[in-house]
Protein backbone atom coordinates (compact mmCIF):
# COMPACT_ATOMS: atom_id res chain seq x y z
CA MET A 1 116.46 95.47 142.51
CA HIS A 2 117.44 96.07 138.90
CA PRO A 3 117.65 99.82 138.12
CA MET A 4 115.58 99.37 134.93
CA LEU A 5 112.86 97.62 136.91
CA ASN A 6 112.95 100.47 139.41
CA THR A 7 112.43 102.97 136.60
CA ALA A 8 109.54 100.91 135.22
CA ILE A 9 107.85 100.89 138.64
CA LYS A 10 108.25 104.66 138.90
CA ALA A 11 106.75 105.05 135.41
CA ALA A 12 103.82 102.73 136.21
CA ARG A 13 103.02 104.65 139.40
CA ARG A 14 103.20 107.95 137.51
CA GLY A 15 100.72 106.65 134.92
CA ALA A 16 98.49 105.20 137.63
CA SER A 17 98.27 108.49 139.50
CA ILE A 18 96.69 110.04 136.37
CA ILE A 19 94.27 107.11 136.11
CA ASN A 20 93.37 107.32 139.83
CA ARG A 21 92.68 111.05 139.72
CA ALA A 22 90.40 110.60 136.70
CA SER A 23 88.53 107.70 138.31
CA PHE A 24 86.95 110.06 140.86
CA ASP A 25 84.95 111.82 138.14
CA LEU A 26 84.40 109.53 135.16
CA SER A 27 81.66 111.77 133.72
CA GLN A 28 84.30 114.35 132.78
CA ILE A 29 86.34 111.98 130.62
CA LYS A 30 86.32 112.28 126.84
CA VAL A 31 85.96 108.87 125.19
CA THR A 32 86.69 108.15 121.53
CA GLU A 33 85.87 104.96 119.65
CA LYS A 34 88.97 103.74 117.77
CA ASN A 35 87.14 100.84 116.13
CA GLN A 36 83.91 99.08 116.99
CA ASN A 37 83.91 98.37 120.75
CA ASP A 38 87.52 99.57 120.98
CA TYR A 39 87.68 102.69 123.09
CA VAL A 40 90.41 105.11 124.00
CA THR A 41 90.10 107.87 126.57
CA GLU A 42 92.18 110.98 127.04
CA ILE A 43 93.32 109.23 130.25
CA ASP A 44 94.89 106.32 128.29
CA GLN A 45 96.78 108.92 126.27
CA ALA A 46 97.82 111.11 129.23
CA ALA A 47 98.95 108.06 131.26
CA GLU A 48 100.95 106.76 128.31
CA GLN A 49 102.64 110.11 127.83
CA ALA A 50 103.59 110.25 131.52
CA ILE A 51 104.97 106.68 131.43
CA VAL A 52 107.01 107.31 128.26
CA GLU A 53 108.41 110.55 129.71
CA VAL A 54 109.76 108.77 132.80
CA LEU A 55 111.31 105.96 130.72
CA GLN A 56 112.83 108.21 128.07
CA LYS A 57 114.26 110.61 130.64
CA ALA A 58 116.08 107.68 132.28
CA TYR A 59 116.95 105.85 129.05
CA PRO A 60 116.82 108.28 126.11
CA GLY A 61 118.29 105.74 123.68
CA HIS A 62 115.64 103.08 124.26
CA ALA A 63 112.86 102.42 121.75
CA VAL A 64 109.18 102.37 122.73
CA LEU A 65 106.18 100.34 121.54
CA ALA A 66 103.03 101.68 123.18
CA GLU A 67 99.35 100.98 122.60
CA GLU A 68 98.16 104.52 121.90
CA SER A 69 101.19 106.09 120.20
CA GLY A 70 102.51 103.01 118.40
CA ALA A 71 106.24 102.60 117.80
CA SER A 72 108.86 105.27 118.43
CA ALA A 73 111.01 106.43 115.50
CA ASN A 74 114.00 104.44 116.80
CA LEU A 75 112.12 101.11 116.92
CA HIS A 76 113.69 98.86 114.29
CA ASP A 77 115.04 95.33 114.14
CA GLU A 78 118.38 96.38 115.60
CA ALA A 79 116.90 98.26 118.59
CA GLU A 80 118.57 96.67 121.61
CA PHE A 81 116.13 97.89 124.27
CA VAL A 82 112.38 98.23 123.66
CA TRP A 83 109.80 99.27 126.26
CA ILE A 84 106.38 97.71 125.61
CA ILE A 85 103.61 99.70 127.25
CA ASP A 86 99.88 99.37 127.81
CA PRO A 87 99.01 102.49 129.81
CA LEU A 88 95.51 101.30 130.73
CA ASP A 89 94.57 97.70 130.04
CA GLY A 90 90.84 97.35 130.67
CA THR A 91 89.70 100.72 129.30
CA THR A 92 86.07 99.58 128.99
CA ASN A 93 86.06 98.58 132.67
CA PHE A 94 87.65 101.93 133.58
CA ILE A 95 85.06 103.94 131.63
CA HIS A 96 82.27 102.20 133.58
CA GLY A 97 83.96 102.50 136.97
CA PHE A 98 84.38 98.71 137.14
CA PRO A 99 87.56 98.41 139.21
CA GLN A 100 89.54 95.89 137.15
CA TYR A 101 92.26 97.50 135.03
CA CYS A 102 96.00 98.00 135.16
CA VAL A 103 99.16 99.57 133.80
CA SER A 104 101.49 97.11 132.03
CA ILE A 105 105.15 97.81 131.23
CA ALA A 106 107.72 95.34 129.87
CA LEU A 107 111.31 95.78 128.73
CA GLN A 108 112.72 93.64 125.94
CA GLN A 109 116.44 93.35 125.37
CA ARG A 110 117.30 91.95 121.92
CA GLY A 111 113.81 90.45 121.69
CA VAL A 112 113.83 88.82 125.14
CA THR A 113 111.63 90.23 127.91
CA THR A 114 113.85 91.00 130.90
CA GLN A 115 111.73 93.29 133.13
CA ALA A 116 108.00 93.38 133.84
CA VAL A 117 105.65 95.54 135.88
CA ILE A 118 101.88 95.21 136.14
CA TYR A 119 100.28 97.69 138.50
CA ASP A 120 96.65 97.56 139.60
CA PRO A 121 95.90 101.05 140.94
CA THR A 122 92.51 100.15 142.44
CA ARG A 123 94.03 97.57 144.81
CA ASN A 124 97.55 99.00 144.94
CA ASP A 125 98.84 95.62 143.74
CA LEU A 126 102.31 95.84 142.22
CA PHE A 127 103.43 92.74 140.29
CA THR A 128 107.10 92.75 139.24
CA ALA A 129 109.64 90.40 137.68
CA SER A 130 113.21 90.47 136.42
CA LYS A 131 114.37 87.62 134.22
CA GLY A 132 115.98 84.87 136.30
CA GLU A 133 115.08 86.50 139.62
CA GLY A 134 111.51 85.37 140.29
CA ALA A 135 108.16 87.16 140.35
CA TYR A 136 106.83 89.33 143.16
CA LEU A 137 103.59 90.90 144.37
CA ASN A 138 104.22 93.89 146.64
CA ASP A 139 107.76 92.59 147.32
CA LYS A 140 106.59 89.08 148.30
CA ARG A 141 107.67 86.17 146.12
CA ILE A 142 104.76 84.67 144.15
CA ARG A 143 104.28 81.23 142.59
CA VAL A 144 101.67 79.81 140.27
CA SER A 145 98.98 77.69 141.97
CA LYS A 146 99.46 74.06 142.96
CA CYS A 147 96.12 72.98 141.46
CA THR A 148 96.65 69.73 139.51
CA LYS A 149 93.21 68.94 138.06
CA LEU A 150 91.37 71.08 135.53
CA THR A 151 88.11 70.06 137.24
CA ASP A 152 89.29 71.92 140.38
CA SER A 153 90.65 74.95 138.53
CA LEU A 154 89.58 78.57 138.14
CA ILE A 155 90.33 79.72 134.59
CA GLY A 156 90.44 83.26 133.20
CA THR A 157 89.63 84.29 129.65
CA GLY A 158 88.66 87.23 127.48
CA PHE A 159 85.78 87.40 125.01
CA PRO A 160 86.16 88.89 121.53
CA ALA A 161 84.92 92.48 121.75
CA ARG A 162 86.22 94.10 118.57
CA ASP A 163 86.19 91.31 115.98
CA LEU A 164 82.99 89.31 116.43
CA SER A 165 83.56 87.09 113.37
CA LYS A 166 85.18 84.46 115.62
CA LEU A 167 82.42 84.48 118.23
CA ASP A 168 81.06 81.03 117.34
CA GLU A 169 84.50 79.45 117.67
CA TYR A 170 84.88 81.28 120.96
CA MET A 171 81.57 79.99 122.30
CA ALA A 172 82.71 76.46 121.46
CA MET A 173 85.95 76.98 123.43
CA PHE A 174 83.95 78.54 126.25
CA LYS A 175 81.71 75.46 126.42
CA THR A 176 84.66 73.04 126.29
CA ILE A 177 86.45 74.70 129.20
CA THR A 178 83.30 75.47 131.25
CA GLU A 179 82.37 71.78 131.21
CA LYS A 180 85.83 70.79 132.45
CA CYS A 181 86.76 73.41 135.07
CA GLN A 182 85.40 74.68 138.37
CA GLY A 183 84.78 78.20 137.10
CA LEU A 184 85.51 80.44 134.10
CA ARG A 185 86.03 84.17 134.63
CA ARG A 186 86.19 87.10 132.22
CA PRO A 187 87.37 90.09 134.27
CA GLY A 188 88.21 92.30 131.26
CA SER A 189 91.94 93.05 131.53
CA ALA A 190 94.18 90.40 129.95
CA ALA A 191 97.38 91.82 131.47
CA LEU A 192 95.92 91.64 134.97
CA ASP A 193 94.55 88.14 134.30
CA LEU A 194 98.08 86.98 133.42
CA ALA A 195 99.42 88.57 136.62
CA TYR A 196 96.72 86.64 138.50
CA VAL A 197 97.96 83.38 136.95
CA ALA A 198 101.47 84.23 138.18
CA ALA A 199 100.12 84.91 141.68
CA GLY A 200 98.02 81.72 141.77
CA ARG A 201 94.72 83.63 141.86
CA LEU A 202 93.82 81.95 138.56
CA ASP A 203 95.06 78.47 137.66
CA GLY A 204 95.03 79.14 133.93
CA PHE A 205 94.10 81.63 131.22
CA PHE A 206 93.34 81.56 127.49
CA GLU A 207 92.48 84.18 124.90
CA LYS A 208 92.83 84.83 121.19
CA GLY A 209 93.59 88.03 119.32
CA LEU A 210 95.67 89.85 121.93
CA ASN A 211 98.34 92.47 121.27
CA THR A 212 102.00 92.34 122.34
CA TRP A 213 101.45 95.00 125.01
CA ASP A 214 98.64 92.91 126.58
CA MET A 215 100.97 89.95 127.09
CA ALA A 216 104.65 90.93 127.32
CA ALA A 217 104.83 91.81 131.04
CA GLY A 218 102.40 89.07 132.15
CA ALA A 219 104.32 86.41 130.26
CA LEU A 220 107.54 87.13 132.17
CA LEU A 221 105.64 87.20 135.49
CA ILE A 222 104.21 83.75 134.73
CA SER A 223 107.46 82.10 133.68
CA GLU A 224 109.29 83.63 136.68
CA ALA A 225 106.51 82.30 138.95
CA GLY A 226 107.00 78.75 137.66
CA GLY A 227 104.19 78.72 135.13
CA ILE A 228 104.07 78.09 131.39
CA ILE A 229 102.79 80.33 128.62
CA GLY A 230 102.46 79.49 124.94
CA ASP A 231 100.16 79.62 121.93
CA PHE A 232 97.35 77.10 121.42
CA LYS A 233 99.87 74.50 120.25
CA GLY A 234 102.06 75.18 123.28
CA GLU A 235 104.71 76.92 121.17
CA GLN A 236 106.42 80.26 121.82
CA THR A 237 104.81 82.35 119.06
CA TYR A 238 102.12 83.93 121.25
CA LEU A 239 103.61 87.46 121.21
CA GLU A 240 103.43 87.52 117.39
CA LYS A 241 100.20 85.51 116.96
CA GLY A 242 98.26 86.99 119.86
CA ASP A 243 96.74 83.62 120.84
CA VAL A 244 97.72 82.57 124.31
CA ILE A 245 97.30 79.80 126.89
CA ALA A 246 98.94 80.15 130.30
CA GLY A 247 98.82 78.31 133.58
CA ASN A 248 100.66 76.27 136.12
CA PRO A 249 102.40 73.37 134.33
CA LYS A 250 99.71 70.75 135.08
CA ILE A 251 96.78 72.97 134.09
CA PHE A 252 98.61 74.36 131.03
CA TYR A 253 98.98 70.91 129.44
CA GLN A 254 95.39 69.95 130.24
CA MET A 255 94.19 73.16 128.56
CA ILE A 256 96.43 72.55 125.52
CA SER A 257 94.92 69.08 125.07
CA LEU A 258 91.40 70.55 125.08
CA LEU A 259 92.03 73.74 123.10
CA GLY A 260 94.75 72.59 120.67
CA THR A 261 92.13 71.93 117.98
CA TYR A 262 91.39 75.69 117.95
CA ALA A 263 95.02 76.58 117.11
């Protein structure tokens, strides 16, 4: 296993142990609203701090881009190594005790994601990938599903929570896909949904308005598991744009043909 991946796993487990401890008594947690329907807890912040500490102790020269603390001082265009961290993806679920959330950590080298860890502390599911070496769940190789028809597929998505101005467009997409697939799910953690696509638990996924730290690790998992990820036109700008479609190759192209008009 790649030493940088090993460090990322250690960091994810360290962050998750803080999240797990807090989950036993949610009533004690201080919650702050960042923007409308966009919450941060002291647990997000403590987990992030623990993750960053592990990574920076091992690799002091590396830059960091993290959801709660933003970019480290050494993050600039020339930064060779950048860790992209979402310490708790699915905060709203976590606050309510709904057990669907995860820690997401990705490493980019010169703008290319080379290592990925998504850890689900409630199920002890550890998804990992190194570029060119395949994707794994708890050390077992994973592949995207073999589903070939959208009508037989289970698709994941996320609803707009913060910016409701696009809700009507979203409802139109929702209708389009619901009419054409076997089931549409909205579990509430985009990073974990992407890991589920990689593991074949979902056949496809789409969402608009995501952040880099929601997608970076999941995107590598999917491509290493034989899937495809792109924006609504099928192009590779999703990390910048935040609009993403992912799936096994057959389902991906069927989704693009239905959702391309919403690009």
